[in-house]
Amino acid sequence: MSDSYDILLVGGGIACASAAAELRERGFEGSILLATRELDAPYHRPPITKGYLQGREDRESTLVHPAQWYAEHDVEVRTRAAVMDIDTEARTAKIGREIVAFEQALVATGAGVRRLQADGGQRDGIHYLRALPNADKLCGALDGAKRVAVVGGSYIATEVAASLTLVGKPCTVVMQETLPMERHFGPVAGQFVHDLLTSHGVEIVAGADVSGFDGEGEDDAPVGAVLCADGRRVETDLVVIGVGAT
């Protein structure tokens, strides 16, 4: 393990994995370090809400490159390695407690989930979905869930609702929008997505601002309902929130 590299790639997604592959394909022979705070080597995120969540794809199938690819192409990968600071003048990066030097760096860390600021948002049973460990935790909680509420009307929320319905979990989508995906594609596409979801049993609560999450008893009790600002209440024992990225 070196403390100086020609190329530092910061991020655990397809951008850094593809950059490493392109460099080697173009004949670059210098040292490459790929650092990611993820638990796994770079992987594709779309399966998290689809095949992986449905149990049709395993963890290995989500990887951008097979595990052995990095060693075969002399690319060092450090997982659980958060890059805390980059000094562009000194060309150094702080990775955990270590200072690593580099000649050139690519930072492609992607977006983070937008957390919903609402009363009771800390209750057990409320999930966000960005990374494989999030999906693992959600899958582990699904066995005991009789009804799932999905908050949001865009990609993550609609994909999660579709996937969970396919594995037999009744879902209710609670969203501000009138129609799912309407903000991205307009009312015609939104109506199509709405009809497709409802035809598979998804219940849609539209025009709803979520004001909080209720539970039985104390404030730290597991979630039991999604509360809407207009007084509507959606009973549930598991919540998945997908309300955008930061």
Protein backbone atom coordinates (compact mmCIF):
# COMPACT_ATOMS: atom_id res chain seq x y z
CA MET A 1 0.00 0.00 0.00
CA SER A 2 1.55 3.25 -1.19
CA ASP A 3 1.17 6.79 0.15
CA SER A 4 1.63 8.42 -3.27
CA TYR A 5 -0.35 7.85 -6.46
CA ASP A 6 -0.46 9.23 -9.96
CA ILE A 7 -4.26 9.20 -10.01
CA LEU A 8 -6.66 9.45 -7.08
CA LEU A 9 -10.28 8.54 -7.79
CA VAL A 10 -12.71 9.59 -5.07
CA GLY A 11 -16.08 7.90 -5.18
CA GLY A 12 -17.69 4.49 -5.25
CA GLY A 13 -19.92 4.72 -8.30
CA ILE A 14 -19.80 4.11 -12.00
CA ALA A 15 -17.90 7.34 -12.75
CA CYS A 16 -14.73 6.39 -10.87
CA ALA A 17 -14.90 2.74 -11.91
CA SER A 18 -15.29 3.77 -15.55
CA ALA A 19 -12.46 6.30 -15.25
CA ALA A 20 -10.13 3.59 -13.98
CA ALA A 21 -11.10 1.30 -16.85
CA GLU A 22 -10.69 4.03 -19.47
CA LEU A 23 -7.24 4.97 -18.17
CA ARG A 24 -6.03 1.39 -18.43
CA GLU A 25 -7.65 0.87 -21.84
CA ARG A 26 -5.84 3.95 -23.14
CA GLY A 27 -2.52 2.59 -21.96
CA PHE A 28 -2.00 4.60 -18.78
CA GLU A 29 0.57 2.72 -16.68
CA GLY A 30 0.75 4.94 -13.61
CA SER A 31 -0.55 4.10 -10.14
CA ILE A 32 -4.27 4.47 -9.46
CA LEU A 33 -6.04 4.59 -6.10
CA LEU A 34 -9.82 4.43 -5.91
CA ALA A 35 -11.11 5.46 -2.48
CA THR A 36 -14.72 5.06 -1.43
CA ARG A 37 -16.51 5.26 1.88
CA GLU A 38 -18.82 2.47 0.67
CA LEU A 39 -18.51 -1.04 2.07
CA ASP A 40 -18.24 -2.48 -1.45
CA ALA A 41 -16.21 -1.81 -4.58
CA PRO A 42 -18.02 0.45 -7.10
CA TYR A 43 -21.47 -0.78 -8.01
CA HIS A 44 -24.47 0.21 -10.09
CA ARG A 45 -27.18 1.94 -8.05
CA PRO A 46 -30.30 1.36 -10.21
CA PRO A 47 -30.65 -2.29 -9.09
CA ILE A 48 -30.97 -1.10 -5.48
CA THR A 49 -34.58 -0.12 -6.11
CA LYS A 50 -35.27 -2.86 -8.64
CA GLY A 51 -33.71 -6.30 -9.04
CA TYR A 52 -31.69 -6.27 -5.84
CA LEU A 53 -34.63 -5.11 -3.75
CA GLN A 54 -36.83 -7.73 -5.40
CA GLY A 55 -34.29 -10.48 -4.72
CA ARG A 56 -33.67 -11.18 -8.42
CA GLU A 57 -30.09 -9.87 -8.39
CA ASP A 58 -27.34 -10.68 -5.93
CA ARG A 59 -24.70 -8.30 -4.61
CA GLU A 60 -22.02 -9.41 -7.05
CA SER A 61 -24.24 -8.70 -10.06
CA THR A 62 -24.46 -5.03 -9.08
CA LEU A 63 -20.69 -4.50 -9.28
CA VAL A 64 -19.39 -2.31 -12.11
CA HIS A 65 -16.37 -4.61 -12.49
CA PRO A 66 -15.90 -8.12 -11.11
CA ALA A 67 -14.02 -8.15 -7.83
CA GLN A 68 -10.85 -9.51 -9.43
CA TRP A 69 -10.78 -6.83 -12.16
CA TYR A 70 -9.04 -4.27 -9.96
CA ALA A 71 -6.11 -6.52 -9.07
CA GLU A 72 -5.82 -7.68 -12.69
CA HIS A 73 -5.56 -4.05 -13.84
CA ASP A 74 -3.37 -2.85 -10.99
CA VAL A 75 -5.98 -0.51 -9.51
CA GLU A 76 -5.89 -0.24 -5.73
CA VAL A 77 -9.33 -0.01 -4.13
CA ARG A 78 -9.89 1.12 -0.58
CA THR A 79 -13.39 0.64 0.77
CA ARG A 80 -14.66 2.21 4.00
CA ALA A 81 -12.19 4.96 3.16
CA ALA A 82 -13.74 8.39 3.54
CA VAL A 83 -11.78 11.22 1.93
CA MET A 84 -12.00 13.91 4.58
CA ASP A 85 -10.07 16.70 2.84
CA ILE A 86 -8.23 17.48 -0.38
CA ASP A 87 -5.47 20.07 -0.57
CA THR A 88 -5.30 20.99 -4.25
CA GLU A 89 -2.17 23.10 -3.86
CA ALA A 90 -0.19 20.47 -1.99
CA ARG A 91 -1.87 17.69 -4.00
CA THR A 92 -2.63 15.64 -0.93
CA ALA A 93 -5.77 14.02 0.42
CA LYS A 94 -6.67 13.00 3.93
CA ILE A 95 -8.14 9.50 3.86
CA GLY A 96 -9.14 8.55 7.36
CA ARG A 97 -6.02 9.34 9.39
CA GLU A 98 -3.64 8.97 6.45
CA ILE A 99 -2.29 11.66 4.14
CA VAL A 100 -1.98 10.47 0.54
CA ALA A 101 -0.20 12.37 -2.24
CA PHE A 102 -1.45 12.43 -5.81
CA GLU A 103 -0.63 13.97 -9.18
CA GLN A 104 -4.21 14.23 -10.43
CA ALA A 105 -7.55 13.58 -8.76
CA LEU A 106 -11.11 12.95 -9.89
CA VAL A 107 -13.89 13.55 -7.37
CA ALA A 108 -17.17 11.85 -8.32
CA THR A 109 -18.99 11.08 -5.10
CA GLY A 110 -22.53 11.44 -6.43
CA ALA A 111 -25.54 12.83 -4.64
CA GLY A 112 -26.79 12.17 -1.14
CA VAL A 113 -30.37 11.54 -0.10
CA ARG A 114 -32.53 14.48 0.92
CA ARG A 115 -33.87 13.82 4.40
CA LEU A 116 -37.42 14.78 5.17
CA GLN A 117 -37.66 17.22 8.06
CA ALA A 118 -40.82 16.12 9.83
CA ASP A 119 -41.89 15.30 13.37
CA GLY A 120 -41.15 11.70 14.26
CA GLY A 121 -38.66 11.32 11.42
CA GLN A 122 -36.26 9.50 13.75
CA ARG A 123 -38.62 6.59 14.46
CA ASP A 124 -37.56 3.01 13.79
CA GLY A 125 -39.03 1.64 10.60
CA ILE A 126 -38.28 4.73 8.48
CA HIS A 127 -35.84 4.00 5.66
CA TYR A 128 -33.90 5.91 3.01
CA LEU A 129 -32.48 4.12 0.00
CA ARG A 130 -29.16 5.16 -1.53
CA ALA A 131 -26.65 2.37 -0.98
CA LEU A 132 -26.56 -1.43 -0.84
CA PRO A 133 -26.50 -1.52 2.99
CA ASN A 134 -29.69 0.58 2.98
CA ALA A 135 -31.32 -2.01 0.74
CA ASP A 136 -30.07 -4.85 2.97
CA LYS A 137 -31.60 -3.20 6.02
CA LEU A 138 -34.87 -2.59 4.22
CA CYS A 139 -35.06 -6.17 2.96
CA GLY A 140 -34.47 -7.42 6.50
CA ALA A 141 -37.36 -5.31 7.77
CA LEU A 142 -39.83 -6.33 5.07
CA ASP A 143 -40.58 -9.77 6.49
CA GLY A 144 -42.45 -8.30 9.42
CA ALA A 145 -44.15 -5.51 7.47
CA LYS A 146 -47.80 -5.86 6.54
CA ARG A 147 -48.17 -2.46 4.91
CA VAL A 148 -45.53 -0.13 3.43
CA ALA A 149 -45.85 3.62 2.90
CA VAL A 150 -43.56 5.21 0.34
CA VAL A 151 -43.14 8.97 0.62
CA GLY A 152 -42.38 10.79 -2.63
CA GLY A 153 -43.57 10.91 -6.21
CA SER A 154 -40.39 10.62 -8.24
CA TYR A 155 -37.93 7.93 -9.33
CA ILE A 156 -36.95 6.30 -6.04
CA ALA A 157 -40.45 6.31 -4.56
CA THR A 158 -42.22 4.94 -7.62
CA GLU A 159 -39.56 2.30 -8.28
CA VAL A 160 -39.64 1.13 -4.65
CA ALA A 161 -43.44 0.94 -4.68
CA ALA A 162 -43.39 -1.08 -7.90
CA SER A 163 -40.70 -3.46 -6.61
CA LEU A 164 -42.30 -4.06 -3.23
CA THR A 165 -45.68 -4.68 -4.84
CA LEU A 166 -44.05 -7.31 -7.06
CA VAL A 167 -42.80 -9.16 -3.97
CA GLY A 168 -46.23 -9.07 -2.39
CA LYS A 169 -46.07 -6.07 -0.06
CA PRO A 170 -49.10 -3.75 -0.19
CA CYS A 171 -47.87 -0.19 -0.78
CA THR A 172 -49.26 3.31 -0.44
CA VAL A 173 -47.47 6.19 -2.15
CA VAL A 174 -47.83 9.49 -0.30
CA MET A 175 -46.77 12.44 -2.44
CA GLN A 176 -47.08 16.19 -2.93
CA GLU A 177 -47.63 15.79 -6.65
CA THR A 178 -50.96 15.19 -8.34
CA LEU A 179 -49.45 12.42 -10.46
CA PRO A 180 -46.25 10.38 -9.99
CA MET A 181 -43.30 11.46 -12.14
CA GLU A 182 -45.33 14.47 -13.35
CA ARG A 183 -42.60 16.96 -12.42
CA HIS A 184 -40.13 15.22 -14.73
CA PHE A 185 -42.28 14.12 -17.64
CA GLY A 186 -45.57 16.02 -17.50
CA PRO A 187 -49.17 14.98 -16.91
CA VAL A 188 -49.55 12.48 -19.76
CA ALA A 189 -46.60 10.35 -18.61
CA GLY A 190 -47.63 10.94 -15.00
CA GLN A 191 -51.09 9.53 -15.68
CA PHE A 192 -49.54 6.50 -17.37
CA VAL A 193 -47.32 5.80 -14.34
CA HIS A 194 -50.28 6.38 -12.01
CA ASP A 195 -52.47 3.90 -13.91
CA LEU A 196 -49.66 1.35 -14.09
CA LEU A 197 -49.01 1.50 -10.35
CA THR A 198 -52.67 1.40 -9.34
CA SER A 199 -53.34 -1.50 -11.73
CA HIS A 200 -50.86 -3.50 -9.64
CA GLY A 201 -52.53 -2.57 -6.37
CA VAL A 202 -50.51 0.47 -5.31
CA GLU A 203 -52.66 3.02 -3.46
CA ILE A 204 -51.78 6.65 -4.17
CA VAL A 205 -52.39 9.53 -1.77
CA ALA A 206 -51.77 12.63 -3.88
CA GLY A 207 -51.45 16.31 -2.99
CA ALA A 208 -50.20 15.42 0.47
CA ASP A 209 -47.60 17.31 2.48
CA VAL A 210 -46.15 14.97 5.11
CA SER A 211 -46.16 16.72 8.48
CA GLY A 212 -44.94 13.85 10.65
CA PHE A 213 -44.81 10.19 11.56
CA ASP A 214 -46.84 8.70 14.36
CA GLY A 215 -46.22 5.67 16.53
CA GLU A 216 -47.81 3.98 19.50
CA GLY A 217 -46.75 5.36 22.86
CA GLU A 218 -43.40 7.11 23.27
CA ASP A 219 -41.61 9.27 20.74
CA ASP A 220 -39.08 6.50 20.12
CA ALA A 221 -41.77 3.91 19.31
CA PRO A 222 -41.63 2.39 15.81
CA VAL A 223 -43.49 4.19 13.05
CA GLY A 224 -47.17 3.40 12.80
CA ALA A 225 -48.56 6.05 10.46
CA VAL A 226 -47.68 8.83 8.05
CA LEU A 227 -49.39 12.09 9.01
CA CYS A 228 -50.40 14.61 6.34
CA ALA A 229 -50.80 18.33 6.88
CA ASP A 230 -54.43 18.22 5.73
CA GLY A 231 -55.33 15.69 8.40
CA ARG A 232 -55.08 12.52 6.36
CA ARG A 233 -53.44 9.58 8.09
CA VAL A 234 -51.86 6.60 6.33
CA GLU A 235 -51.46 3.57 8.57
CA THR A 236 -48.25 1.65 8.03
CA ASP A 237 -45.56 -0.28 9.84
CA LEU A 238 -42.70 0.56 7.48
CA VAL A 239 -41.83 3.76 5.59
CA VAL A 240 -39.46 4.35 2.67
CA ILE A 241 -38.69 7.99 1.89
CA GLY A 242 -37.58 9.14 -1.56
CA VAL A 243 -37.93 12.90 -1.78
CA GLY A 244 -34.93 13.94 -3.84
CA ALA A 245 -31.19 14.37 -3.55
CA THR A 246 -28.72 16.89 -2.20
